[in-house]
Amino acid sequence: MVVCPNCNYQNPENATQCEACFTPLPPSAACPQCGASVPVGASFCGQCGFALPSALSSPSEPPAPVTNGDRATTPTSESPQTVICAETQLQAPVARLVHSDTQAILEIPANLSVVNLGKPNDRVPPDLDLSGFPHSQFVSRIHAQIRVQGITYYIEDVGSANGTYINHNPLARGQRHCLQAGDRIAFGKGDLVTFVFQVV
């Protein structure tokens, strides 16, 4: 199995792309100690902790520079290698709405602090257009807003004709709801235009 570095989904062997979040998966090889799948170029097996031989590193990659005093050198078979740990960079979470009937995904733009939801209009064009979904006649042109503060997402009804419902409960106009993964958002009565909020 190949574990996705983005969402930790366990993919089948030889998968090149995560089946859950579609992130490209790094090439992998088998650990000579326990047989677990490890990324090519890894120093240690994540399953058993075995120090992997350099033969598992990618043959197309040049050897990494090694610090020697205050200068960098390229390791050779004669020189000892010093392992230098790079700083880990975390990928920012991606928030999205998944339509409950069609499973269509609308990603919430990461570069906006206020995201307008509704249908095309002349006053406030929507950042997330809901007009193409079944029963979209119940969605107002300016229906709701999602406000982003750091990694927290709030939804607010901005005066829609048919209301916004969170987990089947009406959201009063001007009242903000802090979205949690799995929340159901219905635009209009009857749960006809419903999305599930996800963070991946």
N, C-alpha and C. Protein backbone atom coordinates (compact mmCIF):
# COMPACT_ATOMS: atom_id res chain seq x y z
N MET A 1 0.84 -1.18 0.00
CA MET A 1 0.00 0.00 0.00
C MET A 1 0.88 1.24 0.00
N VAL A 2 0.41 2.30 -0.67
CA VAL A 2 1.14 3.57 -0.73
C VAL A 2 0.30 4.60 0.00
N VAL A 3 0.85 5.19 1.07
CA VAL A 3 0.12 6.18 1.87
C VAL A 3 0.31 7.56 1.25
N CYS A 4 -0.79 8.26 1.02
CA CYS A 4 -0.74 9.60 0.43
C CYS A 4 -0.10 10.57 1.43
N PRO A 5 0.89 11.36 1.01
CA PRO A 5 1.52 12.31 1.93
C PRO A 5 0.62 13.50 2.24
N ASN A 6 -0.47 13.68 1.47
CA ASN A 6 -1.36 14.82 1.67
C ASN A 6 -2.51 14.49 2.62
N CYS A 7 -3.19 13.34 2.38
CA CYS A 7 -4.39 13.04 3.17
C CYS A 7 -4.29 11.73 3.94
N ASN A 8 -3.16 11.02 3.85
CA ASN A 8 -2.91 9.76 4.55
C ASN A 8 -3.81 8.61 4.09
N TYR A 9 -4.44 8.74 2.93
CA TYR A 9 -5.25 7.66 2.38
C TYR A 9 -4.33 6.51 1.96
N GLN A 10 -4.75 5.29 2.23
CA GLN A 10 -3.94 4.13 1.88
C GLN A 10 -4.32 3.65 0.50
N ASN A 11 -3.45 3.89 -0.47
CA ASN A 11 -3.68 3.55 -1.86
C ASN A 11 -3.08 2.17 -2.17
N PRO A 12 -3.59 1.50 -3.22
CA PRO A 12 -3.01 0.20 -3.59
C PRO A 12 -1.59 0.37 -4.12
N GLU A 13 -0.82 -0.74 -4.09
CA GLU A 13 0.55 -0.72 -4.63
C GLU A 13 0.52 -0.25 -6.08
N ASN A 14 1.59 0.38 -6.51
CA ASN A 14 1.79 0.88 -7.88
C ASN A 14 0.84 2.02 -8.25
N ALA A 15 0.11 2.59 -7.29
CA ALA A 15 -0.73 3.75 -7.58
C ALA A 15 0.18 4.95 -7.83
N THR A 16 -0.14 5.76 -8.81
CA THR A 16 0.66 6.95 -9.11
C THR A 16 -0.03 8.23 -8.66
N GLN A 17 -1.33 8.12 -8.29
CA GLN A 17 -2.11 9.28 -7.87
C GLN A 17 -3.05 8.82 -6.76
N CYS A 18 -3.22 9.65 -5.72
CA CYS A 18 -4.08 9.29 -4.60
C CYS A 18 -5.52 9.15 -5.07
N GLU A 19 -6.17 8.06 -4.68
CA GLU A 19 -7.56 7.82 -5.07
C GLU A 19 -8.53 8.72 -4.32
N ALA A 20 -8.10 9.30 -3.19
CA ALA A 20 -8.99 10.14 -2.39
C ALA A 20 -8.89 11.61 -2.75
N CYS A 21 -7.63 12.12 -2.88
CA CYS A 21 -7.46 13.57 -3.11
C CYS A 21 -6.73 13.90 -4.41
N PHE A 22 -6.37 12.87 -5.19
CA PHE A 22 -5.74 13.03 -6.50
C PHE A 22 -4.35 13.67 -6.46
N THR A 23 -3.70 13.65 -5.30
CA THR A 23 -2.33 14.14 -5.20
C THR A 23 -1.39 13.14 -5.87
N PRO A 24 -0.44 13.60 -6.69
CA PRO A 24 0.53 12.66 -7.25
C PRO A 24 1.33 11.99 -6.13
N LEU A 25 1.49 10.67 -6.25
CA LEU A 25 2.21 9.92 -5.23
C LEU A 25 3.67 9.77 -5.61
N PRO A 26 4.58 9.84 -4.62
CA PRO A 26 6.00 9.68 -4.93
C PRO A 26 6.27 8.23 -5.34
N PRO A 27 7.28 8.01 -6.20
CA PRO A 27 7.63 6.63 -6.53
C PRO A 27 8.10 5.91 -5.28
N SER A 28 7.87 4.59 -5.24
CA SER A 28 8.21 3.84 -4.04
C SER A 28 8.98 2.57 -4.38
N ALA A 29 9.61 2.01 -3.35
CA ALA A 29 10.34 0.75 -3.45
C ALA A 29 10.03 -0.05 -2.19
N ALA A 30 10.41 -1.32 -2.17
CA ALA A 30 10.15 -2.17 -1.01
C ALA A 30 11.31 -2.08 -0.03
N CYS A 31 10.98 -2.01 1.26
CA CYS A 31 12.00 -2.04 2.30
C CYS A 31 12.62 -3.43 2.32
N PRO A 32 13.97 -3.53 2.28
CA PRO A 32 14.60 -4.85 2.27
C PRO A 32 14.45 -5.59 3.61
N GLN A 33 14.10 -4.87 4.68
CA GLN A 33 13.96 -5.50 6.00
C GLN A 33 12.56 -6.09 6.19
N CYS A 34 11.50 -5.28 5.94
CA CYS A 34 10.14 -5.75 6.22
C CYS A 34 9.26 -5.84 4.99
N GLY A 35 9.72 -5.29 3.84
CA GLY A 35 8.94 -5.37 2.61
C GLY A 35 7.90 -4.27 2.45
N ALA A 36 7.79 -3.35 3.42
CA ALA A 36 6.82 -2.25 3.32
C ALA A 36 7.21 -1.31 2.20
N SER A 37 6.23 -0.63 1.65
CA SER A 37 6.47 0.34 0.59
C SER A 37 7.03 1.62 1.20
N VAL A 38 8.18 2.09 0.66
CA VAL A 38 8.80 3.32 1.15
C VAL A 38 9.08 4.22 -0.05
N PRO A 39 8.99 5.54 0.12
CA PRO A 39 9.29 6.45 -0.98
C PRO A 39 10.74 6.31 -1.44
N VAL A 40 10.94 6.40 -2.74
CA VAL A 40 12.30 6.37 -3.28
C VAL A 40 13.08 7.55 -2.72
N GLY A 41 14.28 7.30 -2.23
CA GLY A 41 15.10 8.35 -1.65
C GLY A 41 14.98 8.48 -0.15
N ALA A 42 14.07 7.69 0.48
CA ALA A 42 13.91 7.76 1.93
C ALA A 42 15.15 7.21 2.63
N SER A 43 15.46 7.75 3.80
CA SER A 43 16.61 7.29 4.58
C SER A 43 16.26 6.14 5.50
N PHE A 44 15.00 6.13 5.98
CA PHE A 44 14.55 5.11 6.92
C PHE A 44 13.19 4.60 6.49
N CYS A 45 12.89 3.34 6.83
CA CYS A 45 11.58 2.76 6.58
C CYS A 45 10.60 3.27 7.63
N GLY A 46 9.47 3.78 7.20
CA GLY A 46 8.47 4.28 8.13
C GLY A 46 7.76 3.18 8.89
N GLN A 47 7.86 1.95 8.43
CA GLN A 47 7.19 0.82 9.08
C GLN A 47 8.05 0.21 10.19
N CYS A 48 9.33 -0.13 9.86
CA CYS A 48 10.17 -0.83 10.83
C CYS A 48 11.36 0.00 11.32
N GLY A 49 11.62 1.15 10.70
CA GLY A 49 12.72 2.01 11.13
C GLY A 49 14.07 1.62 10.58
N PHE A 50 14.11 0.66 9.68
CA PHE A 50 15.36 0.17 9.10
C PHE A 50 16.05 1.29 8.32
N ALA A 51 17.37 1.48 8.52
CA ALA A 51 18.15 2.46 7.77
C ALA A 51 18.32 1.92 6.36
N LEU A 52 17.73 2.62 5.40
CA LEU A 52 17.70 2.12 4.03
C LEU A 52 19.03 2.34 3.33
N PRO A 53 19.45 1.37 2.52
CA PRO A 53 20.68 1.55 1.75
C PRO A 53 20.48 2.60 0.67
N SER A 54 21.58 3.19 0.24
CA SER A 54 21.48 4.24 -0.78
C SER A 54 21.01 3.68 -2.11
N ALA A 55 20.95 2.36 -2.27
CA ALA A 55 20.47 1.76 -3.53
C ALA A 55 19.01 2.07 -3.75
N LEU A 56 18.26 2.42 -2.69
CA LEU A 56 16.85 2.74 -2.86
C LEU A 56 16.64 4.16 -3.34
N SER A 57 17.70 4.98 -3.37
CA SER A 57 17.54 6.34 -3.86
C SER A 57 17.39 6.31 -5.37
N SER A 58 16.77 7.34 -5.88
CA SER A 58 16.50 7.41 -7.32
C SER A 58 17.82 7.51 -8.09
N PRO A 59 18.03 6.64 -9.11
CA PRO A 59 19.30 6.69 -9.84
C PRO A 59 19.47 7.95 -10.66
N SER A 60 18.38 8.64 -10.97
CA SER A 60 18.49 9.83 -11.80
C SER A 60 18.86 11.07 -11.00
N GLU A 61 18.78 11.00 -9.67
CA GLU A 61 19.07 12.16 -8.85
C GLU A 61 20.56 12.23 -8.53
N PRO A 62 21.19 13.40 -8.65
CA PRO A 62 22.59 13.53 -8.26
C PRO A 62 22.71 13.46 -6.74
N PRO A 63 23.88 13.07 -6.24
CA PRO A 63 24.03 13.03 -4.77
C PRO A 63 23.85 14.41 -4.16
N ALA A 64 23.25 14.41 -2.98
CA ALA A 64 22.97 15.68 -2.32
C ALA A 64 24.26 16.26 -1.74
N PRO A 65 24.38 17.60 -1.75
CA PRO A 65 25.57 18.21 -1.14
C PRO A 65 25.61 17.94 0.35
N VAL A 66 26.80 17.79 0.87
CA VAL A 66 27.01 17.51 2.30
C VAL A 66 27.88 18.62 2.86
N THR A 67 27.51 19.10 4.06
CA THR A 67 28.32 20.16 4.65
C THR A 67 29.61 19.58 5.20
N ASN A 68 30.70 20.28 4.95
CA ASN A 68 32.01 19.85 5.42
C ASN A 68 32.66 21.11 5.98
N GLY A 69 32.53 21.31 7.28
CA GLY A 69 32.99 22.57 7.86
C GLY A 69 32.01 23.66 7.45
N ASP A 70 32.50 24.69 6.73
CA ASP A 70 31.61 25.74 6.28
C ASP A 70 31.44 25.73 4.77
N ARG A 71 31.80 24.62 4.10
CA ARG A 71 31.61 24.56 2.66
C ARG A 71 30.84 23.29 2.32
N ALA A 72 30.14 23.33 1.20
CA ALA A 72 29.36 22.18 0.76
C ALA A 72 30.17 21.38 -0.23
N THR A 73 30.13 20.05 -0.08
CA THR A 73 30.82 19.17 -1.01
C THR A 73 29.85 18.10 -1.49
N THR A 74 30.18 17.49 -2.60
CA THR A 74 29.36 16.39 -3.10
C THR A 74 29.95 15.10 -2.57
N PRO A 75 29.08 14.23 -1.96
CA PRO A 75 29.64 13.01 -1.37
C PRO A 75 30.18 12.08 -2.44
N THR A 76 31.24 11.38 -2.11
CA THR A 76 31.79 10.34 -2.97
C THR A 76 31.79 9.05 -2.19
N SER A 77 32.17 7.96 -2.85
CA SER A 77 32.19 6.68 -2.15
C SER A 77 33.23 6.68 -1.05
N GLU A 78 34.25 7.56 -1.14
CA GLU A 78 35.30 7.60 -0.13
C GLU A 78 34.94 8.51 1.04
N SER A 79 34.09 9.53 0.81
CA SER A 79 33.82 10.50 1.88
C SER A 79 32.58 10.08 2.67
N PRO A 80 32.60 10.25 4.00
CA PRO A 80 31.42 9.93 4.80
C PRO A 80 30.32 10.94 4.52
N GLN A 81 29.05 10.48 4.63
CA GLN A 81 27.91 11.37 4.38
C GLN A 81 27.33 11.85 5.70
N THR A 82 27.01 13.12 5.74
CA THR A 82 26.33 13.70 6.89
C THR A 82 24.89 13.94 6.48
N VAL A 83 23.95 13.46 7.25
CA VAL A 83 22.54 13.64 6.92
C VAL A 83 22.08 14.98 7.44
N ILE A 84 21.51 15.77 6.57
CA ILE A 84 21.00 17.09 6.92
C ILE A 84 19.50 17.06 6.73
N CYS A 85 18.74 17.34 7.77
CA CYS A 85 17.28 17.30 7.69
C CYS A 85 16.77 18.63 7.14
N ALA A 86 15.93 18.52 6.11
CA ALA A 86 15.31 19.72 5.55
C ALA A 86 14.08 20.08 6.37
N GLU A 87 13.74 21.35 6.38
CA GLU A 87 12.56 21.79 7.11
C GLU A 87 11.31 21.28 6.42
N THR A 88 10.40 20.72 7.18
CA THR A 88 9.15 20.19 6.63
C THR A 88 8.21 21.34 6.31
N GLN A 89 7.63 21.29 5.13
CA GLN A 89 6.64 22.30 4.74
C GLN A 89 5.29 21.63 4.67
N LEU A 90 4.34 22.15 5.42
CA LEU A 90 3.00 21.59 5.43
C LEU A 90 2.16 22.23 4.34
N GLN A 91 1.39 21.40 3.67
CA GLN A 91 0.50 21.92 2.64
C GLN A 91 -0.74 22.48 3.33
N ALA A 92 -1.16 23.66 2.89
CA ALA A 92 -2.35 24.29 3.48
C ALA A 92 -3.57 23.42 3.17
N PRO A 93 -4.49 23.29 4.14
CA PRO A 93 -5.69 22.51 3.87
C PRO A 93 -6.53 23.16 2.79
N VAL A 94 -7.24 22.33 2.04
CA VAL A 94 -8.12 22.81 0.98
C VAL A 94 -9.55 22.59 1.42
N ALA A 95 -10.33 23.67 1.48
CA ALA A 95 -11.74 23.56 1.84
C ALA A 95 -12.56 23.48 0.57
N ARG A 96 -13.61 22.67 0.62
CA ARG A 96 -14.44 22.51 -0.57
C ARG A 96 -15.86 22.15 -0.18
N LEU A 97 -16.76 22.34 -1.15
CA LEU A 97 -18.15 21.94 -1.01
C LEU A 97 -18.40 20.81 -2.00
N VAL A 98 -19.01 19.72 -1.52
CA VAL A 98 -19.31 18.57 -2.37
C VAL A 98 -20.83 18.48 -2.49
N HIS A 99 -21.34 18.59 -3.73
CA HIS A 99 -22.78 18.52 -3.96
C HIS A 99 -23.28 17.13 -3.60
N SER A 100 -24.32 17.06 -2.76
CA SER A 100 -24.76 15.77 -2.22
C SER A 100 -25.37 14.86 -3.28
N ASP A 101 -25.95 15.40 -4.37
CA ASP A 101 -26.56 14.56 -5.39
C ASP A 101 -25.59 14.16 -6.48
N THR A 102 -24.82 15.12 -7.00
CA THR A 102 -23.96 14.86 -8.16
C THR A 102 -22.51 14.57 -7.78
N GLN A 103 -22.14 14.81 -6.52
CA GLN A 103 -20.77 14.67 -6.03
C GLN A 103 -19.79 15.65 -6.71
N ALA A 104 -20.33 16.66 -7.39
CA ALA A 104 -19.48 17.70 -7.98
C ALA A 104 -18.80 18.48 -6.85
N ILE A 105 -17.55 18.88 -7.09
CA ILE A 105 -16.75 19.56 -6.07
C ILE A 105 -16.54 21.02 -6.45
N LEU A 106 -16.82 21.90 -5.50
CA LEU A 106 -16.51 23.33 -5.64
C LEU A 106 -15.44 23.66 -4.60
N GLU A 107 -14.22 23.96 -5.06
CA GLU A 107 -13.17 24.34 -4.12
C GLU A 107 -13.36 25.79 -3.70
N ILE A 108 -13.23 26.05 -2.41
CA ILE A 108 -13.34 27.41 -1.89
C ILE A 108 -12.02 28.10 -2.18
N PRO A 109 -12.04 29.21 -2.94
CA PRO A 109 -10.79 29.87 -3.32
C PRO A 109 -9.94 30.23 -2.10
N ALA A 110 -8.68 29.83 -2.14
CA ALA A 110 -7.78 30.04 -1.00
C ALA A 110 -7.32 31.49 -0.89
N ASN A 111 -7.45 32.25 -1.98
CA ASN A 111 -6.93 33.62 -1.99
C ASN A 111 -7.97 34.66 -1.59
N LEU A 112 -9.19 34.25 -1.24
CA LEU A 112 -10.25 35.20 -0.89
C LEU A 112 -10.60 35.07 0.59
N SER A 113 -10.85 36.20 1.25
CA SER A 113 -11.30 36.14 2.64
C SER A 113 -12.82 36.14 2.73
N VAL A 114 -13.50 36.61 1.67
CA VAL A 114 -14.96 36.56 1.59
C VAL A 114 -15.32 35.91 0.27
N VAL A 115 -16.06 34.82 0.32
CA VAL A 115 -16.44 34.06 -0.87
C VAL A 115 -17.95 34.16 -1.03
N ASN A 116 -18.40 34.76 -2.13
CA ASN A 116 -19.82 34.93 -2.39
C ASN A 116 -20.38 33.71 -3.10
N LEU A 117 -21.54 33.23 -2.62
CA LEU A 117 -22.21 32.08 -3.20
C LEU A 117 -23.57 32.53 -3.74
N GLY A 118 -23.90 32.08 -4.94
CA GLY A 118 -25.18 32.44 -5.53
C GLY A 118 -25.19 32.15 -7.01
N LYS A 119 -25.94 32.99 -7.75
CA LYS A 119 -26.04 32.84 -9.20
C LYS A 119 -25.56 34.12 -9.87
N PRO A 120 -25.16 34.05 -11.14
CA PRO A 120 -24.66 35.26 -11.82
C PRO A 120 -25.65 36.42 -11.75
N ASN A 121 -25.10 37.61 -11.48
CA ASN A 121 -25.92 38.82 -11.38
C ASN A 121 -25.04 40.02 -11.62
N ASP A 122 -25.66 41.21 -11.71
CA ASP A 122 -24.92 42.44 -12.00
C ASP A 122 -24.35 43.11 -10.76
N ARG A 123 -24.86 42.78 -9.56
CA ARG A 123 -24.42 43.47 -8.34
C ARG A 123 -23.18 42.85 -7.73
N VAL A 124 -23.27 41.58 -7.33
CA VAL A 124 -22.15 40.88 -6.69
C VAL A 124 -22.00 39.53 -7.38
N PRO A 125 -21.14 39.44 -8.39
CA PRO A 125 -20.96 38.15 -9.07
C PRO A 125 -20.48 37.08 -8.09
N PRO A 126 -21.00 35.87 -8.18
CA PRO A 126 -20.61 34.84 -7.21
C PRO A 126 -19.20 34.32 -7.47
N ASP A 127 -18.50 34.05 -6.39
CA ASP A 127 -17.20 33.38 -6.49
C ASP A 127 -17.42 31.88 -6.69
N LEU A 128 -18.50 31.36 -6.11
CA LEU A 128 -18.92 29.98 -6.33
C LEU A 128 -20.33 30.03 -6.92
N ASP A 129 -20.42 29.67 -8.21
CA ASP A 129 -21.67 29.75 -8.97
C ASP A 129 -22.48 28.47 -8.73
N LEU A 130 -23.69 28.63 -8.17
CA LEU A 130 -24.55 27.49 -7.87
C LEU A 130 -25.64 27.30 -8.92
N SER A 131 -25.58 28.05 -10.01
CA SER A 131 -26.67 28.03 -11.00
C SER A 131 -26.75 26.75 -11.81
N GLY A 132 -25.68 25.98 -11.92
CA GLY A 132 -25.70 24.79 -12.76
C GLY A 132 -26.18 23.53 -12.07
N PHE A 133 -26.58 23.62 -10.82
CA PHE A 133 -26.97 22.43 -10.09
C PHE A 133 -28.48 22.22 -10.14
N PRO A 134 -28.95 20.97 -10.00
CA PRO A 134 -30.39 20.71 -9.98
C PRO A 134 -31.08 21.54 -8.90
N HIS A 135 -32.26 22.04 -9.21
CA HIS A 135 -33.10 22.84 -8.30
C HIS A 135 -32.47 24.19 -7.94
N SER A 136 -31.58 24.68 -8.80
CA SER A 136 -30.91 25.95 -8.48
C SER A 136 -31.87 27.14 -8.54
N GLN A 137 -33.12 26.92 -8.96
CA GLN A 137 -34.09 28.02 -8.93
C GLN A 137 -34.37 28.47 -7.49
N PHE A 138 -34.03 27.65 -6.49
CA PHE A 138 -34.24 28.03 -5.10
C PHE A 138 -33.06 28.82 -4.54
N VAL A 139 -31.99 28.97 -5.33
CA VAL A 139 -30.81 29.72 -4.90
C VAL A 139 -30.95 31.17 -5.33
N SER A 140 -30.73 32.09 -4.41
CA SER A 140 -30.80 33.51 -4.74
C SER A 140 -29.54 33.94 -5.49
N ARG A 141 -29.65 35.05 -6.18
CA ARG A 141 -28.48 35.56 -6.91
C ARG A 141 -27.36 35.92 -5.93
N ILE A 142 -27.73 36.54 -4.82
CA ILE A 142 -26.77 36.78 -3.73
C ILE A 142 -27.33 36.01 -2.54
N HIS A 143 -26.83 34.79 -2.33
CA HIS A 143 -27.46 33.90 -1.35
C HIS A 143 -26.71 33.86 -0.01
N ALA A 144 -25.42 33.59 -0.05
CA ALA A 144 -24.66 33.43 1.20
C ALA A 144 -23.21 33.82 0.96
N GLN A 145 -22.48 33.96 2.06
CA GLN A 145 -21.04 34.23 2.01
C GLN A 145 -20.32 33.26 2.93
N ILE A 146 -19.14 32.85 2.51
CA ILE A 146 -18.24 32.12 3.39
C ILE A 146 -17.09 33.06 3.69
N ARG A 147 -16.84 33.27 4.98
CA ARG A 147 -15.74 34.15 5.41
C ARG A 147 -14.62 33.27 5.95
N VAL A 148 -13.41 33.57 5.51
CA VAL A 148 -12.25 32.78 5.87
C VAL A 148 -11.38 33.58 6.82
N GLN A 149 -11.10 33.00 8.00
CA GLN A 149 -10.20 33.63 8.97
C GLN A 149 -9.18 32.58 9.37
N GLY A 150 -8.00 32.66 8.75
CA GLY A 150 -6.96 31.65 8.98
C GLY A 150 -7.40 30.33 8.37
N ILE A 151 -7.58 29.32 9.22
CA ILE A 151 -8.07 28.02 8.73
C ILE A 151 -9.50 27.76 9.19
N THR A 152 -10.18 28.82 9.64
CA THR A 152 -11.56 28.71 10.09
C THR A 152 -12.48 29.32 9.04
N TYR A 153 -13.60 28.63 8.78
CA TYR A 153 -14.54 29.06 7.75
C TYR A 153 -15.90 29.30 8.40
N TYR A 154 -16.48 30.48 8.13
CA TYR A 154 -17.79 30.83 8.64
C TYR A 154 -18.73 31.02 7.45
N ILE A 155 -19.99 30.58 7.59
CA ILE A 155 -20.98 30.83 6.54
C ILE A 155 -22.06 31.74 7.11
N GLU A 156 -22.57 32.61 6.25
CA GLU A 156 -23.58 33.58 6.66
C GLU A 156 -24.58 33.75 5.52
N ASP A 157 -25.87 33.70 5.84
CA ASP A 157 -26.91 34.01 4.85
C ASP A 157 -26.97 35.52 4.71
N VAL A 158 -26.96 36.01 3.46
CA VAL A 158 -26.93 37.46 3.26
C VAL A 158 -28.26 37.98 2.69
N GLY A 159 -29.36 37.36 3.13
CA GLY A 159 -30.68 37.85 2.74
C GLY A 159 -31.30 37.09 1.60
N SER A 160 -31.06 35.79 1.52
CA SER A 160 -31.64 34.98 0.45
C SER A 160 -33.15 34.87 0.63
N ALA A 161 -33.84 34.61 -0.48
CA ALA A 161 -35.29 34.49 -0.44
C ALA A 161 -35.72 33.18 0.23
N ASN A 162 -34.97 32.10 0.04
CA ASN A 162 -35.39 30.79 0.53
C ASN A 162 -34.57 30.27 1.70
N GLY A 163 -33.63 31.04 2.18
CA GLY A 163 -32.90 30.69 3.39
C GLY A 163 -31.72 29.75 3.17
N THR A 164 -30.88 29.68 4.20
CA THR A 164 -29.74 28.77 4.24
C THR A 164 -29.91 27.90 5.47
N TYR A 165 -29.66 26.61 5.31
CA TYR A 165 -29.85 25.65 6.40
C TYR A 165 -28.55 24.90 6.65
N ILE A 166 -28.15 24.81 7.91
CA ILE A 166 -26.96 24.07 8.31
C ILE A 166 -27.41 22.85 9.10
N ASN A 167 -27.12 21.67 8.55
CA ASN A 167 -27.54 20.42 9.19
C ASN A 167 -29.03 20.45 9.51
N HIS A 168 -29.82 20.93 8.56
CA HIS A 168 -31.29 21.00 8.60
C HIS A 168 -31.82 22.09 9.52
N ASN A 169 -30.97 22.92 10.08
CA ASN A 169 -31.41 24.01 10.95
C ASN A 169 -31.26 25.33 10.21
N PRO A 170 -32.31 26.20 10.26
CA PRO A 170 -32.22 27.48 9.55
C PRO A 170 -31.15 28.39 10.15
N LEU A 171 -30.45 29.09 9.27
CA LEU A 171 -29.43 30.05 9.67
C LEU A 171 -30.04 31.44 9.51
N ALA A 172 -30.20 32.14 10.62
CA ALA A 172 -30.81 33.47 10.58
C ALA A 172 -29.94 34.43 9.79
N ARG A 173 -30.58 35.37 9.09
CA ARG A 173 -29.83 36.35 8.30
C ARG A 173 -28.88 37.12 9.22
N GLY A 174 -27.63 37.24 8.78
CA GLY A 174 -26.63 37.96 9.55
C GLY A 174 -25.95 37.12 10.62
N GLN A 175 -26.46 35.91 10.89
CA GLN A 175 -25.84 35.03 11.88
C GLN A 175 -24.78 34.18 11.19
N ARG A 176 -23.60 34.07 11.78
CA ARG A 176 -22.52 33.26 11.21
C ARG A 176 -22.47 31.90 11.89
N HIS A 177 -22.18 30.89 11.07
CA HIS A 177 -22.00 29.53 11.58
C HIS A 177 -20.58 29.11 11.27
N CYS A 178 -19.85 28.63 12.28
CA CYS A 178 -18.50 28.13 12.08
C CYS A 178 -18.58 26.74 11.48
N LEU A 179 -18.12 26.60 10.24
CA LEU A 179 -18.24 25.33 9.53
C LEU A 179 -17.28 24.29 10.07
N GLN A 180 -17.77 23.08 10.21
CA GLN A 180 -16.98 21.92 10.60
C GLN A 180 -17.05 20.91 9.47
N ALA A 181 -16.01 20.13 9.29
CA ALA A 181 -16.01 19.11 8.25
C ALA A 181 -17.22 18.20 8.45
N GLY A 182 -17.97 17.98 7.36
CA GLY A 182 -19.16 17.14 7.41
C GLY A 182 -20.45 17.92 7.54
N ASP A 183 -20.39 19.24 7.78
CA ASP A 183 -21.62 20.04 7.86
C ASP A 183 -22.35 20.00 6.52
N ARG A 184 -23.68 19.86 6.59
CA ARG A 184 -24.52 19.90 5.40
C ARG A 184 -25.08 21.32 5.25
N ILE A 185 -24.87 21.91 4.09
CA ILE A 185 -25.34 23.26 3.81
C ILE A 185 -26.40 23.17 2.72
N ALA A 186 -27.63 23.56 3.06
CA ALA A 186 -28.73 23.55 2.09
C ALA A 186 -29.07 24.99 1.72
N PHE A 187 -29.09 25.27 0.44
CA PHE A 187 -29.46 26.60 -0.06
C PHE A 187 -30.92 26.52 -0.48
N GLY A 188 -31.81 26.98 0.40
CA GLY A 188 -33.25 26.89 0.18
C GLY A 188 -33.85 25.74 0.97
N LYS A 189 -35.19 25.78 1.09
CA LYS A 189 -35.90 24.77 1.88
C LYS A 189 -35.92 23.43 1.17
N GLY A 190 -36.18 22.39 1.94
CA GLY A 190 -36.39 21.08 1.36
C GLY A 190 -35.13 20.29 1.07
N ASP A 191 -33.96 20.80 1.43
CA ASP A 191 -32.71 20.05 1.24
C ASP A 191 -32.48 19.68 -0.22
N LEU A 192 -32.92 20.54 -1.16
CA LEU A 192 -32.82 20.21 -2.58
C LEU A 192 -31.48 20.62 -3.19
N VAL A 193 -30.90 21.70 -2.69
CA VAL A 193 -29.58 22.14 -3.18
C VAL A 193 -28.64 22.06 -1.99
N THR A 194 -28.04 20.90 -1.79
CA THR A 194 -27.28 20.63 -0.58
C THR A 194 -25.84 20.27 -0.90
N PHE A 195 -24.94 20.82 -0.11
CA PHE A 195 -23.51 20.55 -0.22
C PHE A 195 -22.99 20.09 1.13
N VAL A 196 -21.92 19.31 1.12
CA VAL A 196 -21.23 18.90 2.35
C VAL A 196 -19.90 19.62 2.38
N PHE A 197 -19.60 20.26 3.50
CA PHE A 197 -18.35 20.99 3.68
C PHE A 197 -17.26 20.01 4.04
N GLN A 198 -16.13 20.08 3.32
CA GLN A 198 -14.99 19.20 3.58
C GLN A 198 -13.71 20.01 3.64
N VAL A 199 -12.76 19.53 4.42
CA VAL A 199 -11.41 20.09 4.44
C VAL A 199 -10.46 18.93 4.20
N VAL A 200 -9.66 19.03 3.15
CA VAL A 200 -8.74 17.93 2.81
C VAL A 200 -7.31 18.45 2.74
